[in-house]
All heavy atoms as atom14 arrays in JSON, in Angstrom:
{
  "sequence": "IDQVVNQVGTLGANGLRDVPLAMFEMFDALPMGTLLSIIA",
  "atom14_mask": [
    [1, 1, 1, 1, 1, 1, 1, 1, 0, 0, 0, 0, 0, 0],
    [1, 1, 1, 1, 1, 1, 1, 1, 0, 0, 0, 0, 0, 0],
    [1, 1, 1, 1, 1, 1, 1, 1, 1, 0, 0, 0, 0, 0],
    [1, 1, 1, 1, 1, 1, 1, 0, 0, 0, 0, 0, 0, 0],
    [1, 1, 1, 1, 1, 1, 1, 0, 0, 0, 0, 0, 0, 0],
    [1, 1, 1, 1, 1, 1, 1, 1, 0, 0, 0, 0, 0, 0],
    [1, 1, 1, 1, 1, 1, 1, 1, 1, 0, 0, 0, 0, 0],
    [1, 1, 1, 1, 1, 1, 1, 0, 0, 0, 0, 0, 0, 0],
    [1, 1, 1, 1, 0, 0, 0, 0, 0, 0, 0, 0, 0, 0],
    [1, 1, 1, 1, 1, 1, 1, 0, 0, 0, 0, 0, 0, 0],
    [1, 1, 1, 1, 1, 1, 1, 1, 0, 0, 0, 0, 0, 0],
    [1, 1, 1, 1, 0, 0, 0, 0, 0, 0, 0, 0, 0, 0],
    [1, 1, 1, 1, 1, 0, 0, 0, 0, 0, 0, 0, 0, 0],
    [1, 1, 1, 1, 1, 1, 1, 1, 0, 0, 0, 0, 0, 0],
    [1, 1, 1, 1, 0, 0, 0, 0, 0, 0, 0, 0, 0, 0],
    [1, 1, 1, 1, 1, 1, 1, 1, 0, 0, 0, 0, 0, 0],
    [1, 1, 1, 1, 1, 1, 1, 1, 1, 1, 1, 0, 0, 0],
    [1, 1, 1, 1, 1, 1, 1, 1, 0, 0, 0, 0, 0, 0],
    [1, 1, 1, 1, 1, 1, 1, 0, 0, 0, 0, 0, 0, 0],
    [1, 1, 1, 1, 1, 1, 1, 0, 0, 0, 0, 0, 0, 0],
    [1, 1, 1, 1, 1, 1, 1, 1, 0, 0, 0, 0, 0, 0],
    [1, 1, 1, 1, 1, 0, 0, 0, 0, 0, 0, 0, 0, 0],
    [1, 1, 1, 1, 1, 1, 1, 1, 0, 0, 0, 0, 0, 0],
    [1, 1, 1, 1, 1, 1, 1, 1, 1, 1, 1, 0, 0, 0],
    [1, 1, 1, 1, 1, 1, 1, 1, 1, 0, 0, 0, 0, 0],
    [1, 1, 1, 1, 1, 1, 1, 1, 0, 0, 0, 0, 0, 0],
    [1, 1, 1, 1, 1, 1, 1, 1, 1, 1, 1, 0, 0, 0],
    [1, 1, 1, 1, 1, 1, 1, 1, 0, 0, 0, 0, 0, 0],
    [1, 1, 1, 1, 1, 0, 0, 0, 0, 0, 0, 0, 0, 0],
    [1, 1, 1, 1, 1, 1, 1, 1, 0, 0, 0, 0, 0, 0],
    [1, 1, 1, 1, 1, 1, 1, 0, 0, 0, 0, 0, 0, 0],
    [1, 1, 1, 1, 1, 1, 1, 1, 0, 0, 0, 0, 0, 0],
    [1, 1, 1, 1, 0, 0, 0, 0, 0, 0, 0, 0, 0, 0],
    [1, 1, 1, 1, 1, 1, 1, 0, 0, 0, 0, 0, 0, 0],
    [1, 1, 1, 1, 1, 1, 1, 1, 0, 0, 0, 0, 0, 0],
    [1, 1, 1, 1, 1, 1, 1, 1, 0, 0, 0, 0, 0, 0],
    [1, 1, 1, 1, 1, 1, 0, 0, 0, 0, 0, 0, 0, 0],
    [1, 1, 1, 1, 1, 1, 1, 1, 0, 0, 0, 0, 0, 0],
    [1, 1, 1, 1, 1, 1, 1, 1, 0, 0, 0, 0, 0, 0],
    [1, 1, 1, 1, 1, 0, 0, 0, 0, 0, 0, 0, 0, 0]
  ],
  "atom14_positions": [
    [[13.57, -8.87, -7.5], [12.48, -9.8, -7.77], [12.2, -10.68, -6.55], [11.04, -10.96, -6.22], [12.8, -10.67, -9.01], [12.77, -9.8, -10.27], [11.81, -11.83, -9.13], [13.12, -10.54, -11.55], [0.0, 0.0, 0.0], [0.0, 0.0, 0.0], [0.0, 0.0, 0.0], [0.0, 0.0, 0.0], [0.0, 0.0, 0.0], [0.0, 0.0, 0.0]],
    [[13.25, -11.09, -5.84], [13.07, -11.89, -4.63], [12.26, -11.13, -3.58], [11.4, -11.71, -2.91], [14.43, -12.29, -4.06], [14.31, -13.19, -2.84], [13.95, -14.37, -3.02], [14.55, -12.71, -1.72], [0.0, 0.0, 0.0], [0.0, 0.0, 0.0], [0.0, 0.0, 0.0], [0.0, 0.0, 0.0], [0.0, 0.0, 0.0], [0.0, 0.0, 0.0]],
    [[12.52, -9.82, -3.46], [11.75, -9.01, -2.51], [10.29, -8.93, -2.92], [9.39, -8.96, -2.08], [12.36, -7.61, -2.4], [13.67, -7.56, -1.65], [14.19, -6.14, -1.45], [13.51, -5.17, -1.76], [15.39, -6.02, -0.9], [0.0, 0.0, 0.0], [0.0, 0.0, 0.0], [0.0, 0.0, 0.0], [0.0, 0.0, 0.0], [0.0, 0.0, 0.0]],
    [[10.03, -8.83, -4.23], [8.64, -8.77, -4.71], [7.94, -10.11, -4.46], [6.78, -10.14, -4.0], [8.6, -8.41, -6.21], [7.18, -8.51, -6.75], [9.13, -7.0, -6.44], [0.0, 0.0, 0.0], [0.0, 0.0, 0.0], [0.0, 0.0, 0.0], [0.0, 0.0, 0.0], [0.0, 0.0, 0.0], [0.0, 0.0, 0.0], [0.0, 0.0, 0.0]],
    [[8.63, -11.21, -4.76], [8.04, -12.53, -4.57], [7.66, -12.76, -3.11], [6.57, -13.28, -2.78], [9.02, -13.64, -5.04], [8.52, -15.02, -4.6], [9.18, -13.59, -6.56], [0.0, 0.0, 0.0], [0.0, 0.0, 0.0], [0.0, 0.0, 0.0], [0.0, 0.0, 0.0], [0.0, 0.0, 0.0], [0.0, 0.0, 0.0], [0.0, 0.0, 0.0]],
    [[8.56, -12.34, -2.2], [8.34, -12.58, -0.77], [7.73, -11.38, -0.05], [7.61, -11.4, 1.19], [9.67, -12.96, -0.1], [10.22, -14.28, -0.63], [9.63, -15.33, -0.41], [11.34, -14.21, -1.33], [0.0, 0.0, 0.0], [0.0, 0.0, 0.0], [0.0, 0.0, 0.0], [0.0, 0.0, 0.0], [0.0, 0.0, 0.0], [0.0, 0.0, 0.0]],
    [[7.37, -10.34, -0.82], [6.76, -9.12, -0.28], [7.57, -8.55, 0.88], [7.06, -8.25, 1.96], [5.32, -9.41, 0.17], [4.4, -9.79, -0.99], [2.95, -9.85, -0.6], [2.61, -10.23, 0.51], [2.08, -9.45, -1.52], [0.0, 0.0, 0.0], [0.0, 0.0, 0.0], [0.0, 0.0, 0.0], [0.0, 0.0, 0.0], [0.0, 0.0, 0.0]],
    [[8.86, -8.37, 0.61], [9.78, -7.81, 1.59], [9.98, -6.32, 1.32], [10.26, -5.92, 0.19], [11.14, -8.53, 1.53], [12.15, -7.87, 2.47], [10.99, -10.01, 1.86], [0.0, 0.0, 0.0], [0.0, 0.0, 0.0], [0.0, 0.0, 0.0], [0.0, 0.0, 0.0], [0.0, 0.0, 0.0], [0.0, 0.0, 0.0], [0.0, 0.0, 0.0]],
    [[9.82, -5.49, 2.34], [10.09, -4.06, 2.22], [9.08, -3.33, 1.36], [8.08, -3.88, 0.89], [0.0, 0.0, 0.0], [0.0, 0.0, 0.0], [0.0, 0.0, 0.0], [0.0, 0.0, 0.0], [0.0, 0.0, 0.0], [0.0, 0.0, 0.0], [0.0, 0.0, 0.0], [0.0, 0.0, 0.0], [0.0, 0.0, 0.0], [0.0, 0.0, 0.0]],
    [[9.38, -2.06, 1.11], [8.48, -1.2, 0.34], [8.35, -1.68, -1.1], [7.25, -1.74, -1.66], [8.99, 0.25, 0.35], [9.13, 0.7, 1.69], [8.03, 1.17, -0.39], [0.0, 0.0, 0.0], [0.0, 0.0, 0.0], [0.0, 0.0, 0.0], [0.0, 0.0, 0.0], [0.0, 0.0, 0.0], [0.0, 0.0, 0.0], [0.0, 0.0, 0.0]],
    [[9.48, -2.04, -1.72], [9.44, -2.51, -3.09], [8.65, -3.81, -3.2], [7.84, -3.97, -4.12], [10.87, -2.71, -3.62], [11.0, -3.13, -5.09], [10.55, -2.0, -6.01], [12.45, -3.51, -5.42], [0.0, 0.0, 0.0], [0.0, 0.0, 0.0], [0.0, 0.0, 0.0], [0.0, 0.0, 0.0], [0.0, 0.0, 0.0], [0.0, 0.0, 0.0]],
    [[8.86, -4.71, -2.26], [8.16, -5.98, -2.29], [6.67, -5.83, -2.06], [5.87, -6.55, -2.66], [0.0, 0.0, 0.0], [0.0, 0.0, 0.0], [0.0, 0.0, 0.0], [0.0, 0.0, 0.0], [0.0, 0.0, 0.0], [0.0, 0.0, 0.0], [0.0, 0.0, 0.0], [0.0, 0.0, 0.0], [0.0, 0.0, 0.0], [0.0, 0.0, 0.0]],
    [[6.3, -4.91, -1.2], [4.89, -4.73, -0.86], [4.12, -3.98, -1.94], [2.96, -4.29, -2.22], [4.77, -3.98, 0.47], [0.0, 0.0, 0.0], [0.0, 0.0, 0.0], [0.0, 0.0, 0.0], [0.0, 0.0, 0.0], [0.0, 0.0, 0.0], [0.0, 0.0, 0.0], [0.0, 0.0, 0.0], [0.0, 0.0, 0.0], [0.0, 0.0, 0.0]],
    [[4.77, -2.98, -2.53], [4.05, -2.07, -3.45], [4.44, -2.24, -4.91], [3.82, -1.63, -5.79], [4.28, -0.62, -3.04], [3.82, -0.34, -1.62], [2.74, -0.77, -1.22], [4.65, 0.35, -0.84], [0.0, 0.0, 0.0], [0.0, 0.0, 0.0], [0.0, 0.0, 0.0], [0.0, 0.0, 0.0], [0.0, 0.0, 0.0], [0.0, 0.0, 0.0]],
    [[5.5, -3.01, -5.2], [5.96, -3.15, -6.58], [6.62, -1.87, -7.08], [7.03, -1.01, -6.29], [0.0, 0.0, 0.0], [0.0, 0.0, 0.0], [0.0, 0.0, 0.0], [0.0, 0.0, 0.0], [0.0, 0.0, 0.0], [0.0, 0.0, 0.0], [0.0, 0.0, 0.0], [0.0, 0.0, 0.0], [0.0, 0.0, 0.0], [0.0, 0.0, 0.0]],
    [[6.7, -1.74, -8.39], [7.38, -0.6, -9.0], [6.44, 0.6, -9.04], [5.47, 0.62, -9.79], [7.85, -0.97, -10.41], [8.66, 0.08, -11.16], [9.93, 0.43, -10.41], [9.0, -0.42, -12.57], [0.0, 0.0, 0.0], [0.0, 0.0, 0.0], [0.0, 0.0, 0.0], [0.0, 0.0, 0.0], [0.0, 0.0, 0.0], [0.0, 0.0, 0.0]],
    [[6.73, 1.61, -8.23], [5.91, 2.83, -8.21], [6.67, 4.02, -8.78], [6.1, 4.87, -9.44], [5.49, 3.16, -6.78], [4.68, 2.09, -6.07], [4.39, 2.53, -4.64], [5.63, 2.82, -3.93], [5.7, 3.47, -2.77], [4.59, 3.92, -2.2], [6.87, 3.67, -2.16], [0.0, 0.0, 0.0], [0.0, 0.0, 0.0], [0.0, 0.0, 0.0]],
    [[7.96, 4.08, -8.48], [8.77, 5.24, -8.84], [10.13, 4.73, -9.33], [10.94, 4.26, -8.55], [8.94, 6.14, -7.61], [9.62, 7.47, -7.93], [10.37, 7.52, -8.91], [9.39, 8.45, -7.19], [0.0, 0.0, 0.0], [0.0, 0.0, 0.0], [0.0, 0.0, 0.0], [0.0, 0.0, 0.0], [0.0, 0.0, 0.0], [0.0, 0.0, 0.0]],
    [[10.37, 4.81, -10.65], [11.59, 4.24, -11.24], [12.86, 4.81, -10.6], [13.75, 4.04, -10.21], [11.6, 4.44, -12.77], [12.95, 4.03, -13.36], [10.49, 3.61, -13.42], [0.0, 0.0, 0.0], [0.0, 0.0, 0.0], [0.0, 0.0, 0.0], [0.0, 0.0, 0.0], [0.0, 0.0, 0.0], [0.0, 0.0, 0.0], [0.0, 0.0, 0.0]],
    [[13.03, 6.14, -10.46], [14.27, 6.64, -9.85], [14.47, 6.17, -8.41], [15.61, 6.1, -7.94], [14.08, 8.17, -9.9], [13.11, 8.42, -10.99], [12.18, 7.24, -10.95], [0.0, 0.0, 0.0], [0.0, 0.0, 0.0], [0.0, 0.0, 0.0], [0.0, 0.0, 0.0], [0.0, 0.0, 0.0], [0.0, 0.0, 0.0], [0.0, 0.0, 0.0]],
    [[13.38, 5.84, -7.7], [13.49, 5.44, -6.29], [13.64, 3.93, -6.1], [13.91, 3.48, -4.99], [12.24, 5.9, -5.53], [12.35, 7.18, -4.7], [11.05, 7.41, -3.95], [13.51, 7.12, -3.72], [0.0, 0.0, 0.0], [0.0, 0.0, 0.0], [0.0, 0.0, 0.0], [0.0, 0.0, 0.0], [0.0, 0.0, 0.0], [0.0, 0.0, 0.0]],
    [[13.46, 3.14, -7.16], [13.37, 1.69, -7.02], [14.59, 1.09, -6.33], [14.47, 0.26, -5.41], [13.16, 1.04, -8.39], [0.0, 0.0, 0.0], [0.0, 0.0, 0.0], [0.0, 0.0, 0.0], [0.0, 0.0, 0.0], [0.0, 0.0, 0.0], [0.0, 0.0, 0.0], [0.0, 0.0, 0.0], [0.0, 0.0, 0.0], [0.0, 0.0, 0.0]],
    [[15.79, 1.5, -6.73], [17.0, 0.94, -6.13], [17.08, 1.28, -4.64], [17.42, 0.42, -3.81], [18.25, 1.46, -6.85], [19.56, 0.99, -6.22], [21.03, 1.53, -7.11], [20.97, 0.43, -8.52], [0.0, 0.0, 0.0], [0.0, 0.0, 0.0], [0.0, 0.0, 0.0], [0.0, 0.0, 0.0], [0.0, 0.0, 0.0], [0.0, 0.0, 0.0]],
    [[16.74, 2.5, -4.29], [16.82, 2.92, -2.89], [15.78, 2.2, -2.03], [16.04, 1.88, -0.87], [16.66, 4.43, -2.79], [17.7, 5.19, -3.57], [17.37, 5.8, -4.77], [19.01, 5.26, -3.13], [18.32, 6.48, -5.51], [19.98, 5.95, -3.87], [19.63, 6.55, -5.06], [0.0, 0.0, 0.0], [0.0, 0.0, 0.0], [0.0, 0.0, 0.0]],
    [[14.61, 1.93, -2.6], [13.6, 1.16, -1.87], [14.07, -0.27, -1.64], [13.79, -0.86, -0.59], [12.29, 1.17, -2.64], [11.58, 2.52, -2.63], [10.27, 2.52, -3.39], [10.05, 1.6, -4.2], [9.48, 3.45, -3.19], [0.0, 0.0, 0.0], [0.0, 0.0, 0.0], [0.0, 0.0, 0.0], [0.0, 0.0, 0.0], [0.0, 0.0, 0.0]],
    [[14.79, -0.84, -2.6], [15.34, -2.18, -2.41], [16.37, -2.19, -1.29], [16.4, -3.08, -0.44], [15.98, -2.69, -3.7], [16.44, -4.14, -3.6], [17.49, -4.67, -4.97], [19.06, -3.91, -4.53], [0.0, 0.0, 0.0], [0.0, 0.0, 0.0], [0.0, 0.0, 0.0], [0.0, 0.0, 0.0], [0.0, 0.0, 0.0], [0.0, 0.0, 0.0]],
    [[17.24, -1.16, -1.27], [18.27, -1.08, -0.23], [17.65, -0.98, 1.17], [18.23, -1.47, 2.14], [19.17, 0.13, -0.46], [20.1, -0.02, -1.65], [20.61, 1.11, -2.29], [20.46, -1.26, -2.13], [21.47, 0.98, -3.38], [21.32, -1.39, -3.21], [21.82, -0.26, -3.84], [0.0, 0.0, 0.0], [0.0, 0.0, 0.0], [0.0, 0.0, 0.0]],
    [[16.49, -0.32, 1.28], [15.87, -0.13, 2.59], [15.6, -1.45, 3.31], [15.6, -1.5, 4.54], [14.54, 0.63, 2.44], [14.74, 2.11, 2.19], [15.86, 2.6, 2.41], [13.78, 2.79, 1.77], [0.0, 0.0, 0.0], [0.0, 0.0, 0.0], [0.0, 0.0, 0.0], [0.0, 0.0, 0.0], [0.0, 0.0, 0.0], [0.0, 0.0, 0.0]],
    [[15.34, -2.5, 2.54], [15.01, -3.8, 3.13], [16.26, -4.62, 3.44], [16.14, -5.75, 3.92], [14.09, -4.57, 2.2], [0.0, 0.0, 0.0], [0.0, 0.0, 0.0], [0.0, 0.0, 0.0], [0.0, 0.0, 0.0], [0.0, 0.0, 0.0], [0.0, 0.0, 0.0], [0.0, 0.0, 0.0], [0.0, 0.0, 0.0], [0.0, 0.0, 0.0]],
    [[17.45, -4.08, 3.16], [18.7, -4.81, 3.38], [19.44, -4.25, 4.59], [19.28, -3.07, 4.93], [19.61, -4.69, 2.15], [19.07, -5.25, 0.82], [20.08, -4.97, -0.29], [18.81, -6.75, 0.93], [0.0, 0.0, 0.0], [0.0, 0.0, 0.0], [0.0, 0.0, 0.0], [0.0, 0.0, 0.0], [0.0, 0.0, 0.0], [0.0, 0.0, 0.0]],
    [[20.26, -5.07, 5.27], [21.14, -4.53, 6.3], [22.07, -3.47, 5.69], [22.47, -3.57, 4.53], [21.94, -5.76, 6.76], [21.1, -6.94, 6.36], [20.38, -6.53, 5.12], [0.0, 0.0, 0.0], [0.0, 0.0, 0.0], [0.0, 0.0, 0.0], [0.0, 0.0, 0.0], [0.0, 0.0, 0.0], [0.0, 0.0, 0.0], [0.0, 0.0, 0.0]],
    [[22.39, -2.44, 6.47], [23.23, -1.33, 6.01], [22.62, -0.6, 4.81], [23.31, -0.09, 3.95], [24.65, -1.81, 5.65], [25.4, -2.46, 6.78], [27.15, -2.75, 6.41], [27.02, -3.94, 5.07], [0.0, 0.0, 0.0], [0.0, 0.0, 0.0], [0.0, 0.0, 0.0], [0.0, 0.0, 0.0], [0.0, 0.0, 0.0], [0.0, 0.0, 0.0]],
    [[21.28, -0.57, 4.78], [20.59, 0.03, 3.64], [20.94, 1.49, 3.43], [21.1, 1.94, 2.28], [0.0, 0.0, 0.0], [0.0, 0.0, 0.0], [0.0, 0.0, 0.0], [0.0, 0.0, 0.0], [0.0, 0.0, 0.0], [0.0, 0.0, 0.0], [0.0, 0.0, 0.0], [0.0, 0.0, 0.0], [0.0, 0.0, 0.0], [0.0, 0.0, 0.0]],
    [[21.08, 2.25, 4.51], [21.41, 3.68, 4.39], [22.8, 3.85, 3.78], [23.01, 4.71, 2.91], [21.35, 4.37, 5.76], [20.03, 4.23, 6.3], [21.69, 5.85, 5.63], [0.0, 0.0, 0.0], [0.0, 0.0, 0.0], [0.0, 0.0, 0.0], [0.0, 0.0, 0.0], [0.0, 0.0, 0.0], [0.0, 0.0, 0.0], [0.0, 0.0, 0.0]],
    [[23.76, 3.04, 4.23], [25.12, 3.11, 3.68], [25.1, 2.78, 2.19], [25.75, 3.48, 1.38], [26.04, 2.14, 4.41], [27.47, 2.0, 3.84], [28.21, 3.32, 3.93], [28.23, 0.89, 4.58], [0.0, 0.0, 0.0], [0.0, 0.0, 0.0], [0.0, 0.0, 0.0], [0.0, 0.0, 0.0], [0.0, 0.0, 0.0], [0.0, 0.0, 0.0]],
    [[24.36, 1.76, 1.8], [24.27, 1.38, 0.39], [23.66, 2.52, -0.43], [24.13, 2.8, -1.55], [23.42, 0.12, 0.23], [23.97, -1.17, 0.85], [22.96, -2.3, 0.72], [25.29, -1.57, 0.21], [0.0, 0.0, 0.0], [0.0, 0.0, 0.0], [0.0, 0.0, 0.0], [0.0, 0.0, 0.0], [0.0, 0.0, 0.0], [0.0, 0.0, 0.0]],
    [[22.66, 3.19, 0.1], [22.03, 4.3, -0.61], [22.99, 5.47, -0.77], [23.02, 6.11, -1.83], [20.76, 4.76, 0.13], [19.76, 3.78, 0.08], [0.0, 0.0, 0.0], [0.0, 0.0, 0.0], [0.0, 0.0, 0.0], [0.0, 0.0, 0.0], [0.0, 0.0, 0.0], [0.0, 0.0, 0.0], [0.0, 0.0, 0.0], [0.0, 0.0, 0.0]],
    [[23.77, 5.75, 0.25], [24.75, 6.85, 0.16], [25.79, 6.54, -0.91], [26.13, 7.4, -1.74], [25.43, 7.07, 1.53], [24.42, 7.65, 2.53], [26.62, 8.02, 1.39], [24.94, 7.73, 3.95], [0.0, 0.0, 0.0], [0.0, 0.0, 0.0], [0.0, 0.0, 0.0], [0.0, 0.0, 0.0], [0.0, 0.0, 0.0], [0.0, 0.0, 0.0]],
    [[26.3, 5.3, -0.92], [27.27, 4.9, -1.94], [26.64, 5.02, -3.33], [27.28, 5.49, -4.29], [27.76, 3.45, -1.71], [28.54, 3.37, -0.39], [28.65, 2.99, -2.87], [28.92, 1.95, 0.0], [0.0, 0.0, 0.0], [0.0, 0.0, 0.0], [0.0, 0.0, 0.0], [0.0, 0.0, 0.0], [0.0, 0.0, 0.0], [0.0, 0.0, 0.0]],
    [[25.38, 4.62, -3.46], [24.69, 4.69, -4.76], [24.55, 6.12, -5.24], [24.74, 6.41, -6.43], [23.32, 4.02, -4.66], [0.0, 0.0, 0.0], [0.0, 0.0, 0.0], [0.0, 0.0, 0.0], [0.0, 0.0, 0.0], [0.0, 0.0, 0.0], [0.0, 0.0, 0.0], [0.0, 0.0, 0.0], [0.0, 0.0, 0.0], [0.0, 0.0, 0.0]]
  ]
}
């Protein structure tokens, strides 16, 4: 929600477009996003 409010990253800019991808789009805007996605 913080990313949406501040329009950070893909999720923040576009909102919810693809439910299965939502978590990975959130990770993209964070440091170590690729590592977080692999763990997920």
